[in-house]
Each structure stands twice: as structure tokens, then as C-alpha cells.
Amino acid sequence: ALATIINYIDRQALSVLWPDIVEDLFPDESALERKQIYANISIVFVFAYAFGQAIFGKIFDWVGTRFGFVLSIGVWSIATVAHAFAQGVLSLSIFRAILGVAEAGNWPGAAKGNAEWFPTKERALAQGIFNSGAAIGGIIAIPLIAYLTIYFSWQMVFVFVGVLGFLWLVPWLILVKAPPSSHPWLTAEEREYILTGQRRVDDNGDVTGEDEEEYNPSTAELLSRKQSWGVIIASAAIDPIWWLFVFWIPIYLNEVYGMDVKSIGIYGWVPYVGAMFGAWFGGLLAQNRLKAGWNTDKTRKLTITLGCLIMLPALLAMANPGGPTTAVLIMAVILFGFQTAIGNVQTLPSDLLGKKAVGTLSG
């Protein structure tokens, strides 16, 4: 979750700092031209991110969770610091592309780590806690960056937030020495609890004691299965909602309500509070249903459907939100529903596949 918080602080820096950046780098462009520049840079990031998820899924399956995160976070931290040296559209686009590719590794890496470190019944809650890092990152990033602009230039702000990733790597390398089957700091009871929870369960819900039979297909075989496409389609259907708000909340508040960076810092974090509670709610609901005896298929379908039903009326309400307070509260409801659903979508790969293939499908 801490890695995800840093991920979103680094990602949000551009949108929060954009009013200051355009005055410095694009002083002669009109408001419409500035918006188009921002949109183009955001598109570059999204395409790079999609590419990064595909390749980092494989990378995590090849090198493992420990070194996969070192590569992902190390590169995205360098890219964040590099934003301070941007001189125009081209350099900003290049740095955003590198950031997008590297930041994308955070999610398949988390799904793989989730499959390795948590029993089946706890995975949705673990994924929810992990996903809440994105929301907490949004909550922290907007007021933090707005505060830093009081004392520092936008270039120095990028340097400060970029360094956070390097600081995270130190405890990560110390704490994550090995997978749970061989980690030296786990007690025998802790190791047994984790690994038993990943073993086969019979029709009566009793653990058989046998290792769960893992399905680790090739990429071609993976893409030939309807379950894989179900995961892909579910993600593709609702992910754009999250990206819409991640990219455009600060710009929306600036253009519709005339807010500067400091005012955005007062309002812009509110939607992410809804996202944080949605991530926790989705994970706890799934855990509750699984402990009540529901199977994973029924549990995931319920939670994903509920999240989508919460989002729909709130999305329609955004057509005419009224004042800024109402607008950010409606956004909070939308992101609550999104995180309720997406945490369970992201748990599906670990439900369907063995640990060696989870990263690939997650990507």
C-alpha cells in the first residue's frame, strides 16, 4: 500500500502543478491550447502505462516480486525527478512515457505478491488495502504538493516526490528477503497459516492438506480462455472511469471553478476519501461472504456488480453538479463504487491462476 501511495503522489504531481507549469513552459498558448497539450501528454502516459502493464506482468513472473518492484519503483522514481528538467511538450511526453511504463508494474506486482503472501479468503481484503494506497496517495498528494508550491518551484517539487520511491526501496529490500515458503523471519505457525490457506478445499469447505493444483498456462493458452477475457473486459470497462478523475480533477476544478493550485489543494483530495473507503468496503464485503461459505465466483460477482451500481447514478449526477463542494462529494461516491468493484476484479487472476502466471494476466 505504501508503494501505491508513492505511485499516486508521483503520478498526481503533474496535474496538480499544471497551472504553474503552463505559465512557465507555455506562456503564449491559449487556454484551449494548454488543455490540448495536457490531454496529449496524458494520452502518452496512458498508452505507455498499458504497454508497461503488459510487459511488467511477464517481468514479475520471470524475476519475482522482490526484484520486480525494485525495477518498477526505481525507474519511475528516476522518471519523476526527470520532470524537473522538462523544457516543453516533447521532453514532458518522454518523461511521462517512462513514468507510465514503470508505474504500471505496481499492479501486476501487487497481484502476484497477494497470491504469494495471502490465503485465498484474505486476498480481496489484502487487495482492497493495497488499492486504498491509490486513494490515500490522492488524498496526500494534492494538499501536499499544493503546500510545497508555497516554498518551492514546481521543478523542486518533482525532485522531492521522486526521492520518495528511492527511500521506499530500502525497507523493501530488507523486509522482503524471500517468498513465505522460505522467509527466515516467519514462524512455523505463520508459514503454515499462509500456505494452508492456499491449499485445495474439498466440496464441504474443508482443507484437504494437499497443495492447490496450480494452473500456469502460456500466454497464448491464457488468451484462449474465456475466463481471461472476462478479467480483461471487466478491467477495460471500468478502468477508464478512474483514469478520467485521476487526470482531470485538478484541471476541472481550475477551469470550472477558477481554482488556483492552493485552492485545488483544499478540494481536490475529497474524491479520494471515497475511493479509500470503497477499497476497504469491497475487500471486507468479499471477506465476509467467503467466511460465510460463499464461493469465490459468487462473491466476486456480487461485489463487482454492487460497485458498478453505486457508480452509475453518481456518474449521471456529474452532468450538473452545482458548486464545487457538491461536485467533489459526487466524485467521492463514484470512486467509492469504483474501488469496491476494482479490488475484486484485480483479485480474479490469483483466483484463476497459479502464482507463476498471475502477473501475466494482471498485466
Protein backbone atom coordinates (compact mmCIF):
# COMPACT_ATOMS: atom_id res chain seq x y z
CA ALA A 1 0.00 0.00 0.00
CA LEU A 2 2.87 2.40 0.76
CA ALA A 3 4.31 1.82 -2.71
CA THR A 4 0.92 2.68 -4.19
CA ILE A 5 0.73 5.87 -2.12
CA ILE A 6 4.09 6.95 -3.55
CA ASN A 7 2.94 5.84 -7.01
CA TYR A 8 -0.01 8.21 -6.86
CA ILE A 9 1.88 11.10 -5.34
CA ASP A 10 4.32 10.90 -8.27
CA ARG A 11 1.51 10.47 -10.79
CA GLN A 12 -0.65 13.31 -9.45
CA ALA A 13 2.19 15.82 -9.33
CA LEU A 14 1.77 16.85 -12.97
CA SER A 15 -1.97 17.54 -12.79
CA VAL A 16 -1.72 19.49 -9.52
CA LEU A 17 1.26 21.53 -10.71
CA TRP A 18 -0.14 22.07 -14.20
CA PRO A 19 -1.41 25.65 -13.60
CA ASP A 20 2.16 26.65 -12.63
CA ILE A 21 3.85 24.54 -15.32
CA VAL A 22 1.87 26.07 -18.19
CA GLU A 23 2.67 29.59 -17.03
CA ASP A 24 6.36 28.70 -17.11
CA LEU A 25 6.66 26.47 -20.20
CA PHE A 26 3.70 27.57 -22.35
CA PRO A 27 3.05 31.25 -21.53
CA ASP A 28 1.91 32.22 -25.04
CA GLU A 29 -0.62 29.42 -25.64
CA SER A 30 -4.35 29.96 -25.22
CA ALA A 31 -6.39 28.13 -22.57
CA LEU A 32 -7.65 25.69 -25.21
CA GLU A 33 -4.13 25.03 -26.50
CA ARG A 34 -2.90 24.42 -22.96
CA LYS A 35 -5.69 21.93 -22.35
CA GLN A 36 -4.81 20.14 -25.59
CA ILE A 37 -1.16 19.92 -24.56
CA TYR A 38 -2.16 18.40 -21.23
CA ALA A 39 -4.52 15.95 -22.95
CA ASN A 40 -1.81 14.85 -25.39
CA ILE A 41 0.70 14.29 -22.59
CA SER A 42 -1.93 12.32 -20.65
CA ILE A 43 -2.65 10.13 -23.69
CA VAL A 44 1.07 9.36 -23.99
CA PHE A 45 1.08 8.32 -20.33
CA VAL A 46 -1.97 6.04 -20.75
CA PHE A 47 -0.56 4.22 -23.78
CA ALA A 48 2.80 3.83 -22.05
CA TYR A 49 1.02 2.56 -18.95
CA ALA A 50 -0.90 -0.04 -20.95
CA PHE A 51 2.34 -1.23 -22.53
CA GLY A 52 4.02 -1.27 -19.13
CA GLN A 53 1.32 -3.44 -17.58
CA ALA A 54 1.72 -6.00 -20.35
CA ILE A 55 5.50 -6.26 -20.06
CA PHE A 56 5.75 -5.92 -16.28
CA GLY A 57 3.29 -8.76 -15.78
CA LYS A 58 5.79 -11.01 -17.54
CA ILE A 59 8.76 -9.39 -15.79
CA PHE A 60 7.31 -10.11 -12.35
CA ASP A 61 6.64 -13.71 -13.35
CA TRP A 62 10.26 -14.01 -14.57
CA VAL A 63 12.25 -12.26 -11.83
CA GLY A 64 9.85 -12.49 -8.88
CA THR A 65 8.13 -9.93 -6.72
CA ARG A 66 11.20 -8.65 -4.86
CA PHE A 67 13.31 -7.57 -7.82
CA GLY A 68 10.30 -6.73 -9.96
CA PHE A 69 9.34 -3.96 -7.55
CA VAL A 70 12.93 -2.71 -7.37
CA LEU A 71 12.95 -2.29 -11.16
CA SER A 72 9.49 -0.72 -11.33
CA ILE A 73 9.88 1.77 -8.49
CA GLY A 74 13.50 2.58 -9.27
CA VAL A 75 12.70 3.55 -12.86
CA TRP A 76 9.54 5.51 -12.05
CA SER A 77 11.37 7.49 -9.35
CA ILE A 78 14.08 8.46 -11.84
CA ALA A 79 11.39 9.48 -14.34
CA THR A 80 9.61 11.62 -11.72
CA VAL A 81 12.80 13.51 -10.87
CA ALA A 82 13.47 13.97 -14.60
CA HIS A 83 10.25 16.03 -14.91
CA ALA A 84 12.14 18.86 -13.23
CA PHE A 85 14.30 19.17 -16.36
CA ALA A 86 11.42 19.30 -18.86
CA GLN A 87 11.59 22.15 -21.37
CA GLY A 88 8.50 21.55 -23.49
CA VAL A 89 5.95 19.09 -24.84
CA LEU A 90 8.48 16.57 -26.18
CA SER A 91 10.54 16.23 -23.01
CA LEU A 92 7.44 16.13 -20.80
CA SER A 93 5.95 13.42 -23.01
CA ILE A 94 9.14 11.34 -22.87
CA PHE A 95 9.34 11.55 -19.08
CA ARG A 96 5.61 10.76 -18.73
CA ALA A 97 6.02 7.75 -21.03
CA ILE A 98 8.87 6.34 -18.92
CA LEU A 99 6.85 7.04 -15.77
CA GLY A 100 3.81 5.29 -17.24
CA VAL A 101 5.70 2.15 -18.24
CA ALA A 102 7.40 1.83 -14.85
CA GLU A 103 4.43 2.76 -12.64
CA ALA A 104 2.32 0.12 -14.36
CA GLY A 105 4.41 -2.59 -12.72
CA ASN A 106 2.91 -1.74 -9.35
CA TRP A 107 -0.38 -3.54 -10.08
CA PRO A 108 0.66 -6.90 -11.55
CA GLY A 109 3.37 -6.95 -8.89
CA ALA A 110 0.80 -6.44 -6.15
CA ALA A 111 -1.48 -9.14 -7.56
CA LYS A 112 1.44 -11.56 -7.65
CA GLY A 113 2.52 -10.64 -4.13
CA ASN A 114 -1.07 -11.03 -2.97
CA ALA A 115 -1.19 -14.56 -4.39
CA GLU A 116 2.12 -15.44 -2.71
CA TRP A 117 1.52 -13.97 0.73
CA PHE A 118 -2.20 -14.31 1.50
CA PRO A 119 -4.62 -17.22 1.89
CA THR A 120 -7.45 -17.28 -0.67
CA LYS A 121 -10.08 -15.98 1.78
CA GLU A 122 -7.99 -12.91 2.63
CA ARG A 123 -6.91 -11.88 -0.86
CA ALA A 124 -9.79 -9.49 -1.60
CA LEU A 125 -9.22 -7.62 1.67
CA ALA A 126 -5.47 -7.53 1.03
CA GLN A 127 -6.12 -6.20 -2.47
CA GLY A 128 -8.53 -3.64 -1.03
CA ILE A 129 -5.91 -2.40 1.43
CA PHE A 130 -3.38 -2.26 -1.40
CA ASN A 131 -5.82 -0.34 -3.63
CA SER A 132 -6.58 2.09 -0.82
CA GLY A 133 -2.98 3.21 -1.27
CA ALA A 134 -4.04 4.82 -4.56
CA ALA A 135 -6.77 6.72 -2.73
CA ILE A 136 -4.52 7.69 0.17
CA GLY A 137 -1.91 8.80 -2.35
CA GLY A 138 -4.53 11.07 -3.92
CA ILE A 139 -5.58 12.39 -0.52
CA ILE A 140 -1.99 13.17 0.43
CA ALA A 141 -0.67 14.28 -2.96
CA ILE A 142 -2.99 17.16 -3.73
CA PRO A 143 -2.68 19.16 -0.47
CA LEU A 144 0.98 18.15 -0.02
CA ILE A 145 2.01 19.35 -3.47
CA ALA A 146 -0.10 22.49 -3.13
CA TYR A 147 1.66 23.22 0.18
CA LEU A 148 5.12 22.63 -1.29
CA THR A 149 4.44 25.15 -4.07
CA ILE A 150 4.29 27.87 -1.42
CA TYR A 151 8.01 27.42 -0.74
CA PHE A 152 9.45 25.68 -3.81
CA SER A 153 9.30 25.82 -7.59
CA TRP A 154 7.40 23.14 -9.48
CA GLN A 155 10.76 21.69 -10.55
CA MET A 156 11.88 21.14 -6.96
CA VAL A 157 8.53 19.58 -6.07
CA PHE A 158 9.13 16.88 -8.70
CA VAL A 159 12.55 16.20 -7.19
CA PHE A 160 11.12 15.88 -3.67
CA VAL A 161 8.34 13.47 -4.61
CA GLY A 162 10.65 11.46 -6.85
CA VAL A 163 13.05 10.79 -3.99
CA LEU A 164 10.25 9.09 -2.00
CA GLY A 165 10.46 5.99 -4.20
CA PHE A 166 14.17 5.54 -3.52
CA LEU A 167 13.53 5.80 0.22
CA TRP A 168 10.87 3.06 -0.05
CA LEU A 169 13.32 0.64 -1.65
CA VAL A 170 15.48 0.45 1.48
CA PRO A 171 12.94 -1.23 3.82
CA TRP A 172 11.54 -3.27 0.91
CA LEU A 173 14.88 -4.95 0.25
CA ILE A 174 15.43 -5.53 3.97
CA LEU A 175 11.97 -6.95 4.75
CA VAL A 176 11.17 -8.98 1.64
CA LYS A 177 14.05 -11.43 1.66
CA ALA A 178 12.24 -14.45 0.23
CA PRO A 179 8.77 -15.89 -0.50
CA PRO A 180 6.75 -17.15 2.51
CA SER A 181 7.81 -20.76 1.98
CA SER A 182 11.42 -19.86 2.83
CA HIS A 183 11.32 -16.44 4.53
CA PRO A 184 13.61 -16.58 7.59
CA TRP A 185 11.51 -14.23 9.72
CA LEU A 186 8.26 -16.22 9.57
CA THR A 187 7.39 -18.58 12.39
CA ALA A 188 6.29 -22.11 11.54
CA GLU A 189 2.73 -21.20 12.54
CA GLU A 190 2.67 -18.13 10.28
CA ARG A 191 4.10 -20.08 7.36
CA GLU A 192 1.58 -22.87 7.84
CA TYR A 193 -1.31 -20.38 8.05
CA ILE A 194 -0.35 -18.74 4.75
CA LEU A 195 0.38 -21.92 2.83
CA THR A 196 -2.56 -23.93 4.20
CA GLY A 197 -4.90 -21.14 3.11
CA GLN A 198 -3.61 -21.68 -0.44
CA ARG A 199 -4.30 -25.41 -0.47
CA ARG A 200 -7.12 -27.30 -2.10
CA VAL A 201 -10.54 -27.21 -0.42
CA ASP A 202 -13.00 -30.09 -0.82
CA ASP A 203 -16.73 -29.82 -1.55
CA ASN A 204 -17.51 -29.48 2.17
CA GLY A 205 -15.19 -26.49 2.53
CA ASP A 206 -12.53 -28.46 4.41
CA VAL A 207 -8.83 -28.10 3.67
CA THR A 208 -7.55 -31.38 2.26
CA GLY A 209 -3.91 -30.70 3.14
CA GLU A 210 -2.88 -31.06 -0.48
CA ASP A 211 -1.19 -28.21 -2.29
CA GLU A 212 -3.53 -26.28 -4.52
CA GLU A 213 -3.16 -27.53 -8.08
CA GLU A 214 -1.75 -24.53 -9.90
CA TYR A 215 -2.65 -23.64 -13.44
CA ASN A 216 0.24 -21.77 -15.06
CA PRO A 217 -0.54 -21.54 -18.79
CA SER A 218 1.48 -19.95 -21.55
CA THR A 219 0.40 -16.51 -22.73
CA ALA A 220 -1.23 -17.98 -25.84
CA GLU A 221 -3.19 -20.51 -23.81
CA LEU A 222 -4.12 -17.82 -21.30
CA LEU A 223 -5.64 -15.67 -24.04
CA SER A 224 -7.61 -18.63 -25.40
CA ARG A 225 -9.68 -18.96 -22.21
CA LYS A 226 -12.95 -17.10 -21.71
CA GLN A 227 -12.15 -16.50 -18.03
CA SER A 228 -9.08 -14.48 -19.01
CA TRP A 229 -11.13 -12.34 -21.37
CA GLY A 230 -13.70 -11.86 -18.63
CA VAL A 231 -11.00 -10.30 -16.45
CA ILE A 232 -9.67 -8.19 -19.34
CA ILE A 233 -13.13 -6.93 -20.34
CA ALA A 234 -14.12 -6.14 -16.75
CA SER A 235 -10.97 -4.07 -16.28
CA ALA A 236 -11.35 -2.34 -19.64
CA ALA A 237 -14.97 -1.46 -18.90
CA ILE A 238 -14.44 0.33 -15.60
CA ASP A 239 -10.78 1.42 -15.53
CA PRO A 240 -11.43 4.50 -17.76
CA ILE A 241 -13.64 5.94 -15.01
CA TRP A 242 -10.71 6.01 -12.61
CA TRP A 243 -8.35 7.48 -15.18
CA LEU A 244 -10.84 10.21 -16.05
CA PHE A 245 -10.81 11.53 -12.50
CA VAL A 246 -7.12 10.93 -11.80
CA PHE A 247 -6.14 13.08 -14.77
CA TRP A 248 -8.81 15.72 -14.74
CA ILE A 249 -9.92 16.53 -11.15
CA PRO A 250 -7.36 19.36 -10.68
CA ILE A 251 -7.89 20.65 -14.23
CA TYR A 252 -11.69 20.51 -13.80
CA LEU A 253 -11.54 22.48 -10.55
CA ASN A 254 -9.22 25.02 -12.15
CA GLU A 255 -11.31 25.58 -15.27
CA VAL A 256 -14.89 25.21 -13.98
CA TYR A 257 -14.48 26.89 -10.59
CA GLY A 258 -11.42 29.07 -11.25
CA MET A 259 -9.26 27.49 -8.55
CA ASP A 260 -5.51 28.02 -8.30
CA VAL A 261 -3.10 25.35 -7.04
CA LYS A 262 -3.69 26.23 -3.38
CA SER A 263 -7.50 26.10 -3.72
CA ILE A 264 -7.24 22.79 -5.56
CA GLY A 265 -5.33 21.53 -2.52
CA ILE A 266 -8.39 22.29 -0.35
CA TYR A 267 -10.96 20.49 -2.54
CA GLY A 268 -9.12 18.03 -4.76
CA TRP A 269 -8.39 15.36 -2.15
CA VAL A 270 -12.05 14.75 -1.18
CA PRO A 271 -12.91 12.27 -4.01
CA TYR A 272 -10.05 10.05 -2.91
CA VAL A 273 -11.55 9.68 0.57
CA GLY A 274 -14.49 7.94 -1.10
CA ALA A 275 -12.04 5.76 -3.03
CA MET A 276 -10.23 4.77 0.16
CA PHE A 277 -13.42 3.69 1.91
CA GLY A 278 -14.58 1.88 -1.23
CA ALA A 279 -11.37 -0.15 -1.36
CA TRP A 280 -11.79 -1.20 2.27
CA PHE A 281 -15.52 -1.88 1.88
CA GLY A 282 -15.06 -4.07 -1.20
CA GLY A 283 -12.37 -6.12 0.49
CA LEU A 284 -14.27 -6.53 3.77
CA LEU A 285 -17.51 -7.44 1.99
CA ALA A 286 -15.77 -10.14 -0.04
CA GLN A 287 -14.00 -11.50 3.03
CA ASN A 288 -17.30 -11.58 4.94
CA ARG A 289 -19.09 -13.51 2.19
CA LEU A 290 -16.26 -16.01 1.78
CA LYS A 291 -16.19 -16.68 5.52
CA ALA A 292 -19.98 -17.15 5.37
CA GLY A 293 -19.47 -20.01 2.94
CA TRP A 294 -19.92 -18.33 -0.43
CA ASN A 295 -17.65 -19.50 -3.23
CA THR A 296 -15.22 -17.06 -4.85
CA ASP A 297 -17.22 -16.84 -8.10
CA LYS A 298 -20.44 -15.70 -6.41
CA THR A 299 -18.55 -13.37 -4.06
CA ARG A 300 -16.61 -11.60 -6.82
CA LYS A 301 -19.72 -11.17 -8.99
CA LEU A 302 -21.73 -9.66 -6.13
CA THR A 303 -19.05 -7.17 -5.12
CA ILE A 304 -18.17 -6.10 -8.65
CA THR A 305 -21.84 -5.64 -9.59
CA LEU A 306 -22.56 -3.65 -6.42
CA GLY A 307 -19.66 -1.31 -7.09
CA CYS A 308 -20.88 -0.65 -10.64
CA LEU A 309 -24.42 0.03 -9.42
CA ILE A 310 -23.09 2.61 -6.96
CA MET A 311 -21.14 4.38 -9.71
CA LEU A 312 -23.91 4.68 -12.30
CA PRO A 313 -26.29 7.25 -10.70
CA ALA A 314 -23.37 9.30 -9.40
CA LEU A 315 -21.85 9.49 -12.89
CA LEU A 316 -25.17 10.80 -14.22
CA ALA A 317 -25.28 13.38 -11.42
CA MET A 318 -21.93 14.81 -12.56
CA ALA A 319 -23.69 16.28 -15.60
CA ASN A 320 -24.91 19.11 -13.35
CA PRO A 321 -23.09 19.00 -10.01
CA GLY A 322 -23.69 22.57 -8.86
CA GLY A 323 -21.00 24.06 -6.63
CA PRO A 324 -17.50 22.70 -6.00
CA THR A 325 -18.38 21.03 -2.69
CA THR A 326 -21.23 19.05 -4.25
CA ALA A 327 -19.03 18.18 -7.23
CA VAL A 328 -16.22 16.66 -5.17
CA LEU A 329 -18.72 14.76 -2.98
CA ILE A 330 -20.33 13.21 -6.06
CA MET A 331 -16.86 12.28 -7.31
CA ALA A 332 -16.23 10.63 -3.93
CA VAL A 333 -19.31 8.42 -4.41
CA ILE A 334 -18.16 7.46 -7.91
CA LEU A 335 -14.69 6.50 -6.73
CA PHE A 336 -16.17 4.61 -3.75
CA GLY A 337 -18.11 2.43 -6.18
CA PHE A 338 -15.11 2.06 -8.46
CA GLN A 339 -12.80 0.82 -5.72
CA THR A 340 -15.49 -1.51 -4.35
CA ALA A 341 -15.52 -3.22 -7.74
CA ILE A 342 -11.93 -3.00 -8.96
CA GLY A 343 -10.31 -4.63 -5.93
CA ASN A 344 -12.28 -7.80 -6.66
CA VAL A 345 -11.57 -7.59 -10.40
CA GLN A 346 -7.86 -7.42 -9.60
CA THR A 347 -8.15 -10.45 -7.31
CA LEU A 348 -9.56 -12.62 -10.11
CA PRO A 349 -6.16 -13.55 -11.63
CA SER A 350 -5.00 -15.03 -8.32
CA ASP A 351 -8.33 -16.91 -8.05
CA LEU A 352 -7.94 -18.40 -11.53
CA LEU A 353 -4.21 -18.98 -11.97
CA GLY A 354 -1.10 -20.26 -10.27
CA LYS A 355 1.48 -17.88 -8.87
CA LYS A 356 3.75 -18.17 -11.92
CA ALA A 357 1.06 -16.76 -14.25
CA VAL A 358 -0.76 -14.25 -12.04
CA GLY A 359 1.44 -11.34 -13.09
CA THR A 360 0.86 -12.01 -16.79
CA LEU A 361 -2.95 -11.89 -16.58
CA SER A 362 -2.88 -8.97 -14.15
CA GLY A 363 -0.78 -7.05 -16.67
